[in-house]
C-alpha atoms as a PDB file:
ATOM      1  CA  MET A   1      -0.709 -26.983   9.015  1.00  0.00           C
ATOM      2  CA  SER A   2       0.910 -29.651   6.885  1.00  0.00           C
ATOM      3  CA  ASP A   3       4.258 -28.840   5.160  1.00  0.00           C
ATOM      4  CA  THR A   4       2.551 -28.453   1.608  1.00  0.00           C
ATOM      5  CA  GLN A   5       0.109 -25.503   3.784  1.00  0.00           C
ATOM      6  CA  ARG A   6       3.253 -23.807   5.559  1.00  0.00           C
ATOM      7  CA  ARG A   7       5.021 -23.461   2.024  1.00  0.00           C
ATOM      8  CA  SER A   8       1.542 -22.214   0.633  1.00  0.00           C
ATOM      9  CA  TYR A   9       1.098 -19.752   2.986  1.00  0.00           C
ATOM     10  CA  ALA A  10       5.429 -18.902   2.608  1.00  0.00           C
ATOM     11  CA  VAL A  11       4.741 -18.094  -1.223  1.00  0.00           C
ATOM     12  CA  GLY A  12       1.208 -15.584   0.135  1.00  0.00           C
ATOM     13  CA  ALA A  13       3.478 -14.227   2.166  1.00  0.00           C
ATOM     14  CA  VAL A  14       6.952 -13.669   0.263  1.00  0.00           C
ATOM     15  CA  ALA A  15       4.521 -12.444  -3.104  1.00  0.00           C
ATOM     16  CA  GLY A  16       3.149 -10.398  -0.836  1.00  0.00           C
ATOM     17  CA  VAL A  17       5.696  -8.643   0.367  1.00  0.00           C
ATOM     18  CA  ALA A  18       7.087  -8.672  -3.541  1.00  0.00           C
ATOM     19  CA  ALA A  19       3.570  -6.417  -4.706  1.00  0.00           C
ATOM     20  CA  PHE A  20       3.503  -3.773  -1.586  1.00  0.00           C
ATOM     21  CA  ALA A  21       7.522  -3.496  -2.573  1.00  0.00           C
ATOM     22  CA  LEU A  22       6.008  -3.655  -6.187  1.00  0.00           C
ATOM     23  CA  ALA A  23       3.777  -0.726  -5.126  1.00  0.00           C
ATOM     24  CA  TYR A  24       6.208   1.025  -3.720  1.00  0.00           C
ATOM     25  CA  VAL A  25       8.105   1.751  -6.531  1.00  0.00           C
ATOM     26  CA  LEU A  26       6.469   2.679  -9.244  1.00  0.00           C
ATOM     27  CA  VAL A  27       3.579   4.736  -7.066  1.00  0.00           C
ATOM     28  CA  TYR A  28       7.312   6.089  -6.434  1.00  0.00           C
ATOM     29  CA  ALA A  29       8.602   6.452 -10.351  1.00  0.00           C
ATOM     30  CA  LEU A  30       4.972   7.665 -11.108  1.00  0.00           C
ATOM     31  CA  SER A  31       5.707  11.309  -8.979  1.00  0.00           C
ATOM     32  CA  ILE A  32       8.151  10.799  -6.766  1.00  0.00           C
ATOM     33  CA  SER A  33       8.267  14.523  -9.341  1.00  0.00           C
ATOM     34  CA  VAL A  34       4.654  16.064  -8.406  1.00  0.00           C
ATOM     35  CA  VAL A  35       6.129  15.249  -5.029  1.00  0.00           C
ATOM     36  CA  ARG A  36       9.871  16.846  -5.037  1.00  0.00           C
ATOM     37  CA  ASP A  37       8.241  20.353  -6.291  1.00  0.00           C
ATOM     38  CA  ALA A  38       5.077  20.237  -3.733  1.00  0.00           C
ATOM     39  CA  LEU A  39       5.318  22.833  -1.189  1.00  0.00           C
ATOM     40  CA  LEU A  40       5.036  20.173   1.501  1.00  0.00           C
ATOM     41  CA  THR A  41       7.697  18.890   0.521  1.00  0.00           C
ATOM     42  CA  GLU A  42       9.616  22.417   0.853  1.00  0.00           C
ATOM     43  CA  VAL A  43       7.644  22.938   3.922  1.00  0.00           C
ATOM     44  CA  ALA A  44       8.967  19.348   6.165  1.00  0.00           C
ATOM     45  CA  GLU A  45      12.091  20.032   4.779  1.00  0.00           C
ATOM     46  CA  ALA A  46      12.311  23.575   5.877  1.00  0.00           C
ATOM     47  CA  PHE A  47      11.391  21.677   9.376  1.00  0.00           C
ATOM     48  CA  GLY A  48      14.450  19.676   9.518  1.00  0.00           C
ATOM     49  CA  ASP A  49      13.315  16.072   7.532  1.00  0.00           C
ATOM     50  CA  GLU A  50      15.190  16.868   3.809  1.00  0.00           C
ATOM     51  CA  ARG A  51      14.073  12.969   2.903  1.00  0.00           C
ATOM     52  CA  ALA A  52      11.086  13.902   3.559  1.00  0.00           C
ATOM     53  CA  ALA A  53       9.782  13.614  -0.048  1.00  0.00           C
ATOM     54  CA  TRP A  54      10.202   9.312  -0.334  1.00  0.00           C
ATOM     55  CA  LYS A  55       8.427   9.421   2.913  1.00  0.00           C
ATOM     56  CA  ILE A  56       5.388  11.162   0.871  1.00  0.00           C
ATOM     57  CA  VAL A  57       5.414   9.343  -1.910  1.00  0.00           C
ATOM     58  CA  GLY A  58       4.533   5.883   0.873  1.00  0.00           C
ATOM     59  CA  TRP A  59       2.058   8.645   1.235  1.00  0.00           C
ATOM     60  CA  VAL A  60       0.767   8.715  -2.172  1.00  0.00           C
ATOM     61  CA  LEU A  61       0.759   4.959  -2.169  1.00  0.00           C
ATOM     62  CA  PHE A  62      -1.479   4.710   1.426  1.00  0.00           C
ATOM     63  CA  ASN A  63      -3.958   6.892  -0.652  1.00  0.00           C
ATOM     64  CA  ALA A  64      -3.505   5.036  -4.200  1.00  0.00           C
ATOM     65  CA  GLN A  65      -5.547   2.384  -2.480  1.00  0.00           C
ATOM     66  CA  PHE A  66      -7.956   4.744  -0.908  1.00  0.00           C
ATOM     67  CA  VAL A  67      -5.953   5.202   2.880  1.00  0.00           C
ATOM     68  CA  THR A  68      -5.935   9.319   4.202  1.00  0.00           C
ATOM     69  CA  THR A  69      -3.215  11.169   5.357  1.00  0.00           C
ATOM     70  CA  THR A  70      -3.553  12.546   8.971  1.00  0.00           C
ATOM     71  CA  ILE A  71      -1.901  15.798   8.781  1.00  0.00           C
ATOM     72  CA  THR A  72      -1.841  17.937  11.689  1.00  0.00           C
ATOM     73  CA  VAL A  73      -0.610  21.536  12.516  1.00  0.00           C
ATOM     74  CA  ASP A  74      -0.088  22.639  15.482  1.00  0.00           C
ATOM     75  CA  VAL A  75      -0.251  26.835  14.924  1.00  0.00           C
ATOM     76  CA  PRO A  76      -2.773  28.418  16.907  1.00  0.00           C
ATOM     77  CA  PHE A  77      -5.398  29.920  16.003  1.00  0.00           C
ATOM     78  CA  ILE A  78      -4.965  28.570  12.489  1.00  0.00           C
ATOM     79  CA  GLY A  79      -3.934  24.266  12.904  1.00  0.00           C
ATOM     80  CA  GLY A  80      -5.628  22.081  12.712  1.00  0.00           C
ATOM     81  CA  THR A  81      -6.030  18.416  11.883  1.00  0.00           C
ATOM     82  CA  SER A  82      -7.138  16.990   8.527  1.00  0.00           C
ATOM     83  CA  ALA A  83      -7.798  13.822   6.685  1.00  0.00           C
ATOM     84  CA  VAL A  84      -6.338  13.885   3.508  1.00  0.00           C
ATOM     85  CA  ASN A  85      -5.776  12.331  -0.295  1.00  0.00           C
ATOM     86  CA  PHE A  86      -3.481  13.673  -2.915  1.00  0.00           C
ATOM     87  CA  ILE A  87      -4.911  12.168  -5.429  1.00  0.00           C
ATOM     88  CA  ALA A  88      -8.175  13.329  -5.145  1.00  0.00           C
ATOM     89  CA  GLU A  89      -6.657  16.590  -4.468  1.00  0.00           C
ATOM     90  CA  ASN A  90      -4.951  17.135  -6.913  1.00  0.00           C
ATOM     91  CA  ASP A  91      -4.340  17.127 -10.221  1.00  0.00           C
ATOM     92  CA  SER A  92      -0.639  16.503 -11.249  1.00  0.00           C
ATOM     93  CA  LEU A  93      -1.276  12.772  -9.482  1.00  0.00           C
ATOM     94  CA  SER A  94      -3.087  10.504 -12.134  1.00  0.00           C
ATOM     95  CA  PRO A  95      -5.796   8.928 -10.758  1.00  0.00           C
ATOM     96  CA  ALA A  96      -3.965   5.252 -12.591  1.00  0.00           C
ATOM     97  CA  LEU A  97      -1.774   5.166  -9.273  1.00  0.00           C
ATOM     98  CA  TYR A  98      -4.693   3.715  -8.184  1.00  0.00           C
ATOM     99  CA  ALA A  99      -4.867   0.674  -9.951  1.00  0.00           C
ATOM    100  CA  ILE A 100      -1.240  -0.303  -9.615  1.00  0.00           C
ATOM    101  CA  PRO A 101      -2.103  -1.516  -6.077  1.00  0.00           C
ATOM    102  CA  PRO A 102      -5.589  -3.752  -6.827  1.00  0.00           C
ATOM    103  CA  ALA A 103      -2.863  -5.225 -10.112  1.00  0.00           C
ATOM    104  CA  LEU A 104       0.049  -6.310  -7.675  1.00  0.00           C
ATOM    105  CA  LEU A 105      -1.711  -8.117  -5.406  1.00  0.00           C
ATOM    106  CA  THR A 106      -3.918  -9.656  -7.713  1.00  0.00           C
ATOM    107  CA  ALA A 107      -0.863 -10.685  -9.705  1.00  0.00           C
ATOM    108  CA  ALA A 108       0.360 -11.542  -6.411  1.00  0.00           C
ATOM    109  CA  GLY A 109      -2.400 -13.822  -5.693  1.00  0.00           C
ATOM    110  CA  VAL A 110      -2.035 -15.659  -9.379  1.00  0.00           C
ATOM    111  CA  ALA A 111       1.279 -15.843  -8.903  1.00  0.00           C
ATOM    112  CA  THR A 112       0.608 -17.513  -4.820  1.00  0.00           C
ATOM    113  CA  ALA A 113      -1.977 -20.024  -6.320  1.00  0.00           C
ATOM    114  CA  ARG A 114      -0.080 -21.122  -9.676  1.00  0.00           C
ATOM    115  CA  LEU A 115       2.877 -21.969  -7.279  1.00  0.00           C
ATOM    116  CA  ASP A 116       1.412 -23.537  -5.357  1.00  0.00           C
ATOM    117  CA  GLY A 117      -0.433 -25.967  -8.027  1.00  0.00           C
ATOM    118  CA  ALA A 118      -4.051 -25.031  -6.905  1.00  0.00           C
ATOM    119  CA  THR A 119      -7.066 -26.456  -9.705  1.00  0.00           C
ATOM    120  CA  ASP A 120      -9.605 -26.056  -7.996  1.00  0.00           C
ATOM    121  CA  LEU A 121     -12.002 -23.231  -6.910  1.00  0.00           C
ATOM    122  CA  GLY A 122     -11.607 -24.163  -3.258  1.00  0.00           C
ATOM    123  CA  ARG A 123      -8.144 -24.213  -3.138  1.00  0.00           C
ATOM    124  CA  ALA A 124      -7.976 -20.870  -4.744  1.00  0.00           C
ATOM    125  CA  VAL A 125      -9.218 -19.081  -1.734  1.00  0.00           C
ATOM    126  CA  ARG A 126      -7.715 -20.646   0.617  1.00  0.00           C
ATOM    127  CA  VAL A 127      -4.161 -19.659  -1.317  1.00  0.00           C
ATOM    128  CA  GLY A 128      -5.223 -16.721  -2.469  1.00  0.00           C
ATOM    129  CA  PRO A 129      -5.104 -14.442   1.365  1.00  0.00           C
ATOM    130  CA  ALA A 130      -2.334 -15.072   1.890  1.00  0.00           C
ATOM    131  CA  VAL A 131      -0.965 -12.949   0.894  1.00  0.00           C
ATOM    132  CA  ALA A 132      -1.723  -9.708   3.037  1.00  0.00           C
ATOM    133  CA  LEU A 133       0.626 -12.079   5.241  1.00  0.00           C
ATOM    134  CA  GLY A 134       3.083 -10.244   3.376  1.00  0.00           C
ATOM    135  CA  TYR A 135       1.325  -7.037   3.133  1.00  0.00           C
ATOM    136  CA  LEU A 136       0.018  -6.788   6.077  1.00  0.00           C
ATOM    137  CA  PRO A 137       3.140  -6.451   8.211  1.00  0.00           C
ATOM    138  CA  LEU A 138       4.914  -3.326   5.586  1.00  0.00           C
ATOM    139  CA  SER A 139       1.545  -1.434   5.194  1.00  0.00           C
ATOM    140  CA  VAL A 140       2.123  -1.955   9.305  1.00  0.00           C
ATOM    141  CA  LEU A 141       5.895  -0.623   8.882  1.00  0.00           C
ATOM    142  CA  GLY A 142       4.975   2.305   6.348  1.00  0.00           C
ATOM    143  CA  ALA A 143       2.595   3.322   8.002  1.00  0.00           C
ATOM    144  CA  VAL A 144       4.510   4.235  10.565  1.00  0.00           C
ATOM    145  CA  LEU A 145       8.031   5.049   9.371  1.00  0.00           C
ATOM    146  CA  PHE A 146       6.281   7.488   6.329  1.00  0.00           C
ATOM    147  CA  THR A 147       5.484   9.896   9.051  1.00  0.00           C
ATOM    148  CA  VAL A 148       6.636  13.410   8.109  1.00  0.00           C
ATOM    149  CA  THR A 149       6.880  15.872  10.849  1.00  0.00           C
ATOM    150  CA  ALA A 150       7.922  19.248  10.550  1.00  0.00           C
ATOM    151  CA  GLY A 151       9.137  19.556  14.363  1.00  0.00           C
ATOM    152  CA  GLU A 152       6.785  21.142  17.125  1.00  0.00           C
ATOM    153  CA  ALA A 153       3.936  22.646  14.314  1.00  0.00           C
ATOM    154  CA  GLY A 154       2.752  19.319  13.631  1.00  0.00           C
ATOM    155  CA  GLN A 155       3.126  16.203  10.936  1.00  0.00           C
ATOM    156  CA  GLY A 156       1.529  13.926   8.668  1.00  0.00           C
ATOM    157  CA  ALA A 157       0.891  10.494   8.014  1.00  0.00           C
ATOM    158  CA  PRO A 158      -0.769   7.780   7.013  1.00  0.00           C
ATOM    159  CA  THR A 159      -4.070   6.998   9.231  1.00  0.00           C
ATOM    160  CA  LEU A 160      -3.131   4.343  11.380  1.00  0.00           C
ATOM    161  CA  LEU A 161      -6.296   2.096  11.595  1.00  0.00           C
ATOM    162  CA  THR A 162      -6.764   2.584   8.052  1.00  0.00           C
ATOM    163  CA  ALA A 163      -3.292   1.814   7.127  1.00  0.00           C
ATOM    164  CA  VAL A 164      -3.506  -1.171   8.699  1.00  0.00           C
ATOM    165  CA  VAL A 165      -7.073  -2.025   7.790  1.00  0.00           C
ATOM    166  CA  VAL A 166      -8.453  -0.755   4.358  1.00  0.00           C
ATOM    167  CA  ALA A 167      -4.695  -1.018   3.053  1.00  0.00           C
ATOM    168  CA  GLY A 168      -2.392  -3.181   5.701  1.00  0.00           C
ATOM    169  CA  LEU A 169      -5.690  -6.373   5.167  1.00  0.00           C
ATOM    170  CA  LEU A 170      -9.190  -5.869   2.650  1.00  0.00           C
ATOM    171  CA  TYR A 171      -6.771  -5.130  -0.351  1.00  0.00           C
ATOM    172  CA  PRO A 172      -4.533  -7.996  -0.598  1.00  0.00           C
ATOM    173  CA  VAL A 173      -7.772 -10.923   0.856  1.00  0.00           C
ATOM    174  CA  VAL A 174     -10.488  -9.909  -1.874  1.00  0.00           C
ATOM    175  CA  PHE A 175      -7.423  -8.827  -4.122  1.00  0.00           C
ATOM    176  CA  GLY A 176      -4.984 -12.542  -3.590  1.00  0.00           C
ATOM    177  CA  THR A 177      -8.526 -14.007  -3.774  1.00  0.00           C
ATOM    178  CA  VAL A 178      -8.929 -12.576  -7.436  1.00  0.00           C
ATOM    179  CA  GLY A 179      -5.740 -13.471  -8.394  1.00  0.00           C
ATOM    180  CA  ALA A 180      -6.216 -16.931  -7.487  1.00  0.00           C
ATOM    181  CA  ALA A 181      -8.977 -17.526  -8.531  1.00  0.00           C
ATOM    182  CA  LEU A 182      -8.167 -16.102 -12.145  1.00  0.00           C
ATOM    183  CA  ALA A 183      -5.861 -18.899 -12.224  1.00  0.00           C
ATOM    184  CA  THR A 184      -7.218 -21.500 -11.817  1.00  0.00           C
ATOM    185  CA  ALA A 185     -10.355 -20.504 -13.865  1.00  0.00           C
ATOM    186  CA  LEU A 186      -7.492 -19.512 -16.463  1.00  0.00           C
ATOM    187  CA  ASP A 187      -6.271 -23.010 -15.284  1.00  0.00           C
ATOM    188  CA  GLY A 188      -9.516 -25.194 -16.189  1.00  0.00           C
ATOM    189  CA  SER A 189      -9.405 -23.803 -19.646  1.00  0.00           C
END
C-alpha cells in the first residue's frame, strides 16, 4: 500500500470519527429534553443508573440509522424482550433526526475526497468507503457503552448486530461513497 493510499484511508477514518461524534452531539442537542422527560430515563435512574440520559440519546442516534433498541424486562409474568425505534414510536422526537447521520457521512465523504485530491469517480469510489474505518469502531463501542441496566429487572441497548452492520458499515460506506462521488462531480463542473 502506498503512502498516498494510507493517507487517504487515515483521512477517511478521521472523517468517520468526526461524523460519528458530531452526529451524537447534534442528536443530543435535539433530543435531550425529550429524553430527560421520558419515563424510561426516570426508571433507569431509579434503578441506579444516574447517567442514563446520555446513553438513551445514544439509542436515539442508532434509531436515526434504523437500528432498533432491544429492551429486555426480567419481571415474572410481564417481562420479555422487544425491539423499539423511539423516533418512529415517539411523536416528541423529530423525524428530522433520520437526516443527521446520512448528511454528516456524506460530508465526511466529500471531505475525504477533497483532501485526497480525488478527481475521478473511480478514485472517489475507492476513498469514500474509508469513512467506515473511523465510524465502525465508534458504532461498536457505542452499542456497548449505550447499555442501560435497570438492576436485575432488565436492560436496554442498541441491537448489536444491526448497530455493527447497518450503522457501522452500511451507512458510512454508502454515504461516504456518495459524498466522495459528489465531490468529484462538483469538482469537474
